[in-house]
Amino acid sequence: MAAIPVSAGVTKEVIVAGQPGAKAVTRGASVTVHCVGMLTDGMTKFWSTRDPGQSAFTFNAGVGQVIAGWDEGCMTMVQGERSRISMTGDKGYGPRGFPAWKIPPNAGLTFELEIVSIN
């Protein structure tokens, strides 16, 4: 499936659609996801909740607890959906990057996200 624009600098490619009528992510909802984060080179993985010793990640959607591109992409998803969210550097970690994960300044990012639960 082709990537579709979510907002300026953010695209989404659905890998596995959620079931018809599945609960949608809403602003302020507690959302639990599995994710794999990579630089847009497609080869440099910096985080995965699926790696040994890691667990799913929970955050409140649409309220700025995560980077903008992630928030914007997740707000278009439903429970059970697995999508690839790609973003430009300004929707990621911006000019400061994220040195702890070896993300350079203004790096484009891609996250494969699966919505596990929405509360």
N, C-alpha and C. Protein backbone atom coordinates (compact mmCIF):
# COMPACT_ATOMS: atom_id res chain seq x y z
N MET A 1 0.84 -1.18 0.00
CA MET A 1 0.00 0.00 0.00
C MET A 1 0.89 1.24 0.00
N ALA A 2 0.50 2.26 -0.72
CA ALA A 2 1.28 3.48 -0.83
C ALA A 2 1.13 4.35 0.41
N ALA A 3 2.17 5.12 0.69
CA ALA A 3 2.12 6.06 1.81
C ALA A 3 1.15 7.19 1.51
N ILE A 4 0.38 7.57 2.52
CA ILE A 4 -0.56 8.68 2.38
C ILE A 4 -0.14 9.80 3.32
N PRO A 5 -0.34 11.06 2.92
CA PRO A 5 0.04 12.16 3.80
C PRO A 5 -0.90 12.25 5.00
N VAL A 6 -0.29 12.47 6.17
CA VAL A 6 -1.03 12.69 7.40
C VAL A 6 -1.06 14.18 7.69
N SER A 7 0.09 14.82 7.55
CA SER A 7 0.26 16.27 7.75
C SER A 7 1.53 16.66 7.02
N ALA A 8 1.87 17.93 7.05
CA ALA A 8 3.12 18.36 6.42
C ALA A 8 4.28 17.67 7.13
N GLY A 9 5.01 16.84 6.41
CA GLY A 9 6.17 16.16 6.97
C GLY A 9 5.90 14.79 7.57
N VAL A 10 4.65 14.32 7.53
CA VAL A 10 4.32 13.00 8.11
C VAL A 10 3.50 12.20 7.10
N THR A 11 3.93 10.95 6.86
CA THR A 11 3.16 10.04 6.00
C THR A 11 2.90 8.74 6.74
N LYS A 12 1.90 8.01 6.25
CA LYS A 12 1.51 6.74 6.86
C LYS A 12 1.28 5.71 5.77
N GLU A 13 1.81 4.52 6.00
CA GLU A 13 1.58 3.38 5.12
C GLU A 13 0.99 2.26 5.98
N VAL A 14 -0.24 1.87 5.72
CA VAL A 14 -0.89 0.82 6.50
C VAL A 14 -0.31 -0.53 6.08
N ILE A 15 0.16 -1.29 7.07
CA ILE A 15 0.70 -2.63 6.83
C ILE A 15 -0.38 -3.66 7.10
N VAL A 16 -1.06 -3.52 8.24
CA VAL A 16 -2.19 -4.37 8.61
C VAL A 16 -3.29 -3.45 9.13
N ALA A 17 -4.44 -3.47 8.46
CA ALA A 17 -5.56 -2.63 8.89
C ALA A 17 -6.18 -3.19 10.16
N GLY A 18 -6.73 -2.31 10.97
CA GLY A 18 -7.51 -2.75 12.12
C GLY A 18 -8.82 -3.34 11.65
N GLN A 19 -9.49 -4.04 12.52
CA GLN A 19 -10.78 -4.65 12.17
C GLN A 19 -11.83 -3.55 11.95
N PRO A 20 -12.80 -3.79 11.07
CA PRO A 20 -13.88 -2.81 10.89
C PRO A 20 -14.55 -2.52 12.23
N GLY A 21 -14.76 -1.25 12.51
CA GLY A 21 -15.38 -0.83 13.76
C GLY A 21 -14.43 -0.80 14.94
N ALA A 22 -13.13 -1.03 14.71
CA ALA A 22 -12.16 -1.01 15.80
C ALA A 22 -12.10 0.37 16.43
N LYS A 23 -11.79 0.40 17.71
CA LYS A 23 -11.69 1.64 18.47
C LYS A 23 -10.58 2.52 17.90
N ALA A 24 -10.89 3.78 17.68
CA ALA A 24 -9.92 4.73 17.14
C ALA A 24 -9.16 5.44 18.26
N VAL A 25 -7.93 5.83 17.97
CA VAL A 25 -7.15 6.64 18.90
C VAL A 25 -7.80 8.02 18.96
N THR A 26 -8.00 8.53 20.16
CA THR A 26 -8.56 9.87 20.36
C THR A 26 -7.62 10.68 21.25
N ARG A 27 -7.74 11.98 21.15
CA ARG A 27 -6.91 12.89 21.93
C ARG A 27 -7.05 12.60 23.43
N GLY A 28 -5.91 12.41 24.08
CA GLY A 28 -5.88 12.17 25.52
C GLY A 28 -6.01 10.71 25.92
N ALA A 29 -6.34 9.83 24.96
CA ALA A 29 -6.48 8.41 25.28
C ALA A 29 -5.13 7.81 25.66
N SER A 30 -5.15 6.85 26.56
CA SER A 30 -3.95 6.10 26.91
C SER A 30 -3.80 5.00 25.85
N VAL A 31 -2.72 5.08 25.09
CA VAL A 31 -2.49 4.18 23.97
C VAL A 31 -1.24 3.35 24.24
N THR A 32 -1.36 2.05 24.06
CA THR A 32 -0.21 1.15 24.20
C THR A 32 0.16 0.64 22.82
N VAL A 33 1.44 0.78 22.48
CA VAL A 33 1.93 0.40 21.16
C VAL A 33 3.14 -0.50 21.25
N HIS A 34 3.31 -1.33 20.22
CA HIS A 34 4.60 -1.94 19.95
C HIS A 34 5.18 -1.11 18.82
N CYS A 35 6.48 -0.89 18.85
CA CYS A 35 7.08 -0.07 17.81
C CYS A 35 8.51 -0.48 17.53
N VAL A 36 8.91 -0.15 16.31
CA VAL A 36 10.30 -0.26 15.89
C VAL A 36 10.64 1.09 15.27
N GLY A 37 11.66 1.75 15.79
CA GLY A 37 12.08 3.04 15.28
C GLY A 37 13.37 2.95 14.51
N MET A 38 13.40 3.58 13.33
CA MET A 38 14.59 3.56 12.47
C MET A 38 14.81 4.94 11.87
N LEU A 39 16.05 5.20 11.51
CA LEU A 39 16.31 6.38 10.68
C LEU A 39 15.72 6.07 9.31
N THR A 40 15.42 7.08 8.53
CA THR A 40 14.79 6.84 7.23
C THR A 40 15.71 6.15 6.24
N ASP A 41 16.96 5.91 6.62
CA ASP A 41 17.83 5.11 5.74
C ASP A 41 17.36 3.66 5.71
N GLY A 42 16.44 3.30 6.63
CA GLY A 42 15.87 1.97 6.66
C GLY A 42 16.79 0.90 7.22
N MET A 43 17.97 1.30 7.64
CA MET A 43 18.94 0.33 8.12
C MET A 43 19.36 0.56 9.56
N THR A 44 19.18 1.76 10.06
CA THR A 44 19.65 2.10 11.40
C THR A 44 18.49 2.07 12.38
N LYS A 45 18.34 0.94 13.09
CA LYS A 45 17.30 0.81 14.11
C LYS A 45 17.83 1.42 15.40
N PHE A 46 17.00 2.24 16.06
CA PHE A 46 17.44 2.83 17.32
C PHE A 46 16.59 2.40 18.50
N TRP A 47 15.42 1.76 18.25
CA TRP A 47 14.57 1.35 19.36
C TRP A 47 13.57 0.32 18.87
N SER A 48 13.30 -0.67 19.71
CA SER A 48 12.25 -1.63 19.40
C SER A 48 11.68 -2.20 20.68
N THR A 49 10.36 -2.11 20.82
CA THR A 49 9.71 -2.71 21.97
C THR A 49 9.61 -4.22 21.81
N ARG A 50 9.96 -4.71 20.65
CA ARG A 50 9.90 -6.15 20.38
C ARG A 50 11.23 -6.86 20.67
N ASP A 51 12.26 -6.10 21.00
CA ASP A 51 13.55 -6.69 21.33
C ASP A 51 13.48 -7.39 22.69
N PRO A 52 14.32 -8.40 22.92
CA PRO A 52 14.33 -9.08 24.22
C PRO A 52 14.52 -8.08 25.37
N GLY A 53 13.72 -8.26 26.41
CA GLY A 53 13.80 -7.38 27.58
C GLY A 53 13.00 -6.10 27.47
N GLN A 54 12.44 -5.82 26.31
CA GLN A 54 11.64 -4.61 26.11
C GLN A 54 10.15 -4.95 26.23
N SER A 55 9.33 -3.94 26.43
CA SER A 55 7.88 -4.16 26.51
C SER A 55 7.17 -3.04 25.76
N ALA A 56 5.89 -3.24 25.53
CA ALA A 56 5.08 -2.24 24.84
C ALA A 56 5.17 -0.91 25.57
N PHE A 57 4.96 0.18 24.83
CA PHE A 57 5.10 1.55 25.33
C PHE A 57 3.72 2.19 25.42
N THR A 58 3.43 2.85 26.53
CA THR A 58 2.13 3.50 26.73
C THR A 58 2.32 5.00 26.88
N PHE A 59 1.45 5.77 26.22
CA PHE A 59 1.49 7.24 26.29
C PHE A 59 0.08 7.77 26.09
N ASN A 60 -0.12 9.05 26.38
CA ASN A 60 -1.40 9.71 26.13
C ASN A 60 -1.30 10.39 24.77
N ALA A 61 -2.19 10.02 23.87
CA ALA A 61 -2.14 10.48 22.47
C ALA A 61 -2.60 11.92 22.30
N GLY A 62 -1.96 12.60 21.37
CA GLY A 62 -2.41 13.91 20.94
C GLY A 62 -2.19 15.04 21.91
N VAL A 63 -1.38 14.83 22.95
CA VAL A 63 -1.18 15.87 23.96
C VAL A 63 0.29 16.25 24.13
N GLY A 64 1.15 15.83 23.19
CA GLY A 64 2.54 16.24 23.20
C GLY A 64 3.47 15.44 24.10
N GLN A 65 3.06 14.25 24.52
CA GLN A 65 3.95 13.42 25.34
C GLN A 65 5.02 12.72 24.50
N VAL A 66 4.82 12.68 23.20
CA VAL A 66 5.77 12.05 22.28
C VAL A 66 6.09 13.05 21.17
N ILE A 67 7.03 12.72 20.31
CA ILE A 67 7.37 13.63 19.21
C ILE A 67 6.15 13.87 18.31
N ALA A 68 6.13 15.01 17.67
CA ALA A 68 4.96 15.44 16.89
C ALA A 68 4.54 14.46 15.81
N GLY A 69 5.50 13.95 15.06
CA GLY A 69 5.16 13.03 13.97
C GLY A 69 4.50 11.76 14.46
N TRP A 70 4.94 11.27 15.60
CA TRP A 70 4.37 10.08 16.19
C TRP A 70 2.94 10.37 16.63
N ASP A 71 2.75 11.48 17.34
CA ASP A 71 1.41 11.89 17.78
C ASP A 71 0.46 12.01 16.59
N GLU A 72 0.88 12.72 15.56
CA GLU A 72 0.03 12.95 14.39
C GLU A 72 -0.31 11.64 13.68
N GLY A 73 0.67 10.76 13.53
CA GLY A 73 0.41 9.48 12.90
C GLY A 73 -0.51 8.60 13.72
N CYS A 74 -0.26 8.50 15.01
CA CYS A 74 -1.09 7.66 15.89
C CYS A 74 -2.54 8.12 15.92
N MET A 75 -2.76 9.42 15.80
CA MET A 75 -4.13 9.96 15.85
C MET A 75 -4.96 9.52 14.65
N THR A 76 -4.34 8.89 13.66
CA THR A 76 -5.07 8.40 12.48
C THR A 76 -5.28 6.89 12.53
N MET A 77 -4.89 6.25 13.64
CA MET A 77 -4.88 4.79 13.70
C MET A 77 -6.02 4.23 14.57
N VAL A 78 -6.25 2.92 14.43
CA VAL A 78 -7.25 2.21 15.23
C VAL A 78 -6.60 1.00 15.90
N GLN A 79 -7.25 0.49 16.92
CA GLN A 79 -6.72 -0.66 17.64
C GLN A 79 -6.52 -1.84 16.67
N GLY A 80 -5.37 -2.48 16.80
CA GLY A 80 -5.03 -3.62 15.94
C GLY A 80 -4.33 -3.23 14.66
N GLU A 81 -4.33 -1.96 14.31
CA GLU A 81 -3.66 -1.49 13.09
C GLU A 81 -2.15 -1.51 13.28
N ARG A 82 -1.45 -1.84 12.21
CA ARG A 82 0.01 -1.77 12.16
C ARG A 82 0.36 -0.94 10.95
N SER A 83 1.05 0.18 11.19
CA SER A 83 1.38 1.10 10.11
C SER A 83 2.81 1.59 10.24
N ARG A 84 3.33 2.05 9.12
CA ARG A 84 4.66 2.65 9.06
C ARG A 84 4.46 4.16 8.97
N ILE A 85 4.93 4.87 10.00
CA ILE A 85 4.81 6.33 10.06
C ILE A 85 6.20 6.91 9.79
N SER A 86 6.30 7.73 8.75
CA SER A 86 7.57 8.38 8.42
C SER A 86 7.43 9.87 8.60
N MET A 87 8.52 10.50 9.04
CA MET A 87 8.45 11.94 9.32
C MET A 87 9.77 12.63 9.02
N THR A 88 9.67 13.89 8.71
CA THR A 88 10.85 14.73 8.51
C THR A 88 11.43 15.08 9.88
N GLY A 89 12.66 15.55 9.88
CA GLY A 89 13.35 15.85 11.13
C GLY A 89 12.63 16.83 12.04
N ASP A 90 11.94 17.81 11.46
CA ASP A 90 11.23 18.79 12.29
C ASP A 90 10.04 18.19 13.02
N LYS A 91 9.54 17.03 12.57
CA LYS A 91 8.44 16.34 13.26
C LYS A 91 8.97 15.25 14.18
N GLY A 92 10.32 15.09 14.18
CA GLY A 92 10.99 14.11 15.04
C GLY A 92 11.67 14.83 16.20
N TYR A 93 12.98 14.64 16.29
CA TYR A 93 13.74 15.22 17.40
C TYR A 93 14.39 16.55 17.06
N GLY A 94 14.17 17.04 15.82
CA GLY A 94 14.61 18.38 15.44
C GLY A 94 16.11 18.58 15.50
N PRO A 95 16.53 19.85 15.68
CA PRO A 95 17.95 20.19 15.60
C PRO A 95 18.80 19.61 16.73
N ARG A 96 18.19 19.19 17.82
CA ARG A 96 18.98 18.63 18.92
C ARG A 96 19.22 17.12 18.74
N GLY A 97 18.41 16.47 17.87
CA GLY A 97 18.54 15.02 17.71
C GLY A 97 18.23 14.32 19.02
N PHE A 98 18.68 13.10 19.15
CA PHE A 98 18.53 12.34 20.39
C PHE A 98 19.79 11.50 20.55
N PRO A 99 20.86 12.13 21.09
CA PRO A 99 22.17 11.48 21.16
C PRO A 99 22.17 10.11 21.86
N ALA A 100 21.35 9.92 22.88
CA ALA A 100 21.34 8.65 23.60
C ALA A 100 20.98 7.48 22.68
N TRP A 101 20.19 7.77 21.65
CA TRP A 101 19.81 6.72 20.69
C TRP A 101 20.56 6.88 19.36
N LYS A 102 21.56 7.75 19.35
CA LYS A 102 22.38 8.00 18.16
C LYS A 102 21.55 8.54 16.98
N ILE A 103 20.55 9.35 17.31
CA ILE A 103 19.74 10.01 16.27
C ILE A 103 20.36 11.38 16.02
N PRO A 104 20.87 11.61 14.81
CA PRO A 104 21.52 12.89 14.53
C PRO A 104 20.51 14.04 14.44
N PRO A 105 20.99 15.27 14.52
CA PRO A 105 20.11 16.43 14.38
C PRO A 105 19.34 16.39 13.06
N ASN A 106 18.08 16.77 13.12
CA ASN A 106 17.19 16.90 11.96
C ASN A 106 17.03 15.61 11.15
N ALA A 107 17.21 14.46 11.78
CA ALA A 107 17.10 13.18 11.08
C ALA A 107 15.65 12.83 10.77
N GLY A 108 15.41 12.35 9.56
CA GLY A 108 14.12 11.78 9.22
C GLY A 108 13.98 10.44 9.92
N LEU A 109 12.77 10.13 10.39
CA LEU A 109 12.53 8.92 11.16
C LEU A 109 11.37 8.11 10.58
N THR A 110 11.43 6.81 10.78
CA THR A 110 10.34 5.91 10.41
C THR A 110 10.05 5.01 11.61
N PHE A 111 8.78 4.93 11.98
CA PHE A 111 8.35 4.04 13.06
C PHE A 111 7.33 3.06 12.51
N GLU A 112 7.53 1.78 12.79
CA GLU A 112 6.49 0.81 12.52
C GLU A 112 5.73 0.66 13.84
N LEU A 113 4.48 1.09 13.84
CA LEU A 113 3.67 1.10 15.05
C LEU A 113 2.52 0.13 14.96
N GLU A 114 2.24 -0.56 16.05
CA GLU A 114 1.07 -1.41 16.16
C GLU A 114 0.29 -0.96 17.39
N ILE A 115 -0.97 -0.59 17.21
CA ILE A 115 -1.80 -0.17 18.33
C ILE A 115 -2.29 -1.43 19.05
N VAL A 116 -1.77 -1.66 20.25
CA VAL A 116 -2.11 -2.84 21.03
C VAL A 116 -3.41 -2.62 21.81
N SER A 117 -3.52 -1.45 22.45
CA SER A 117 -4.74 -1.15 23.20
C SER A 117 -4.95 0.35 23.29
N ILE A 118 -6.21 0.73 23.51
CA ILE A 118 -6.61 2.12 23.67
C ILE A 118 -7.56 2.17 24.87
N ASN A 119 -7.21 3.02 25.84
CA ASN A 119 -8.07 3.17 27.03
C ASN A 119 -8.39 4.63 27.26
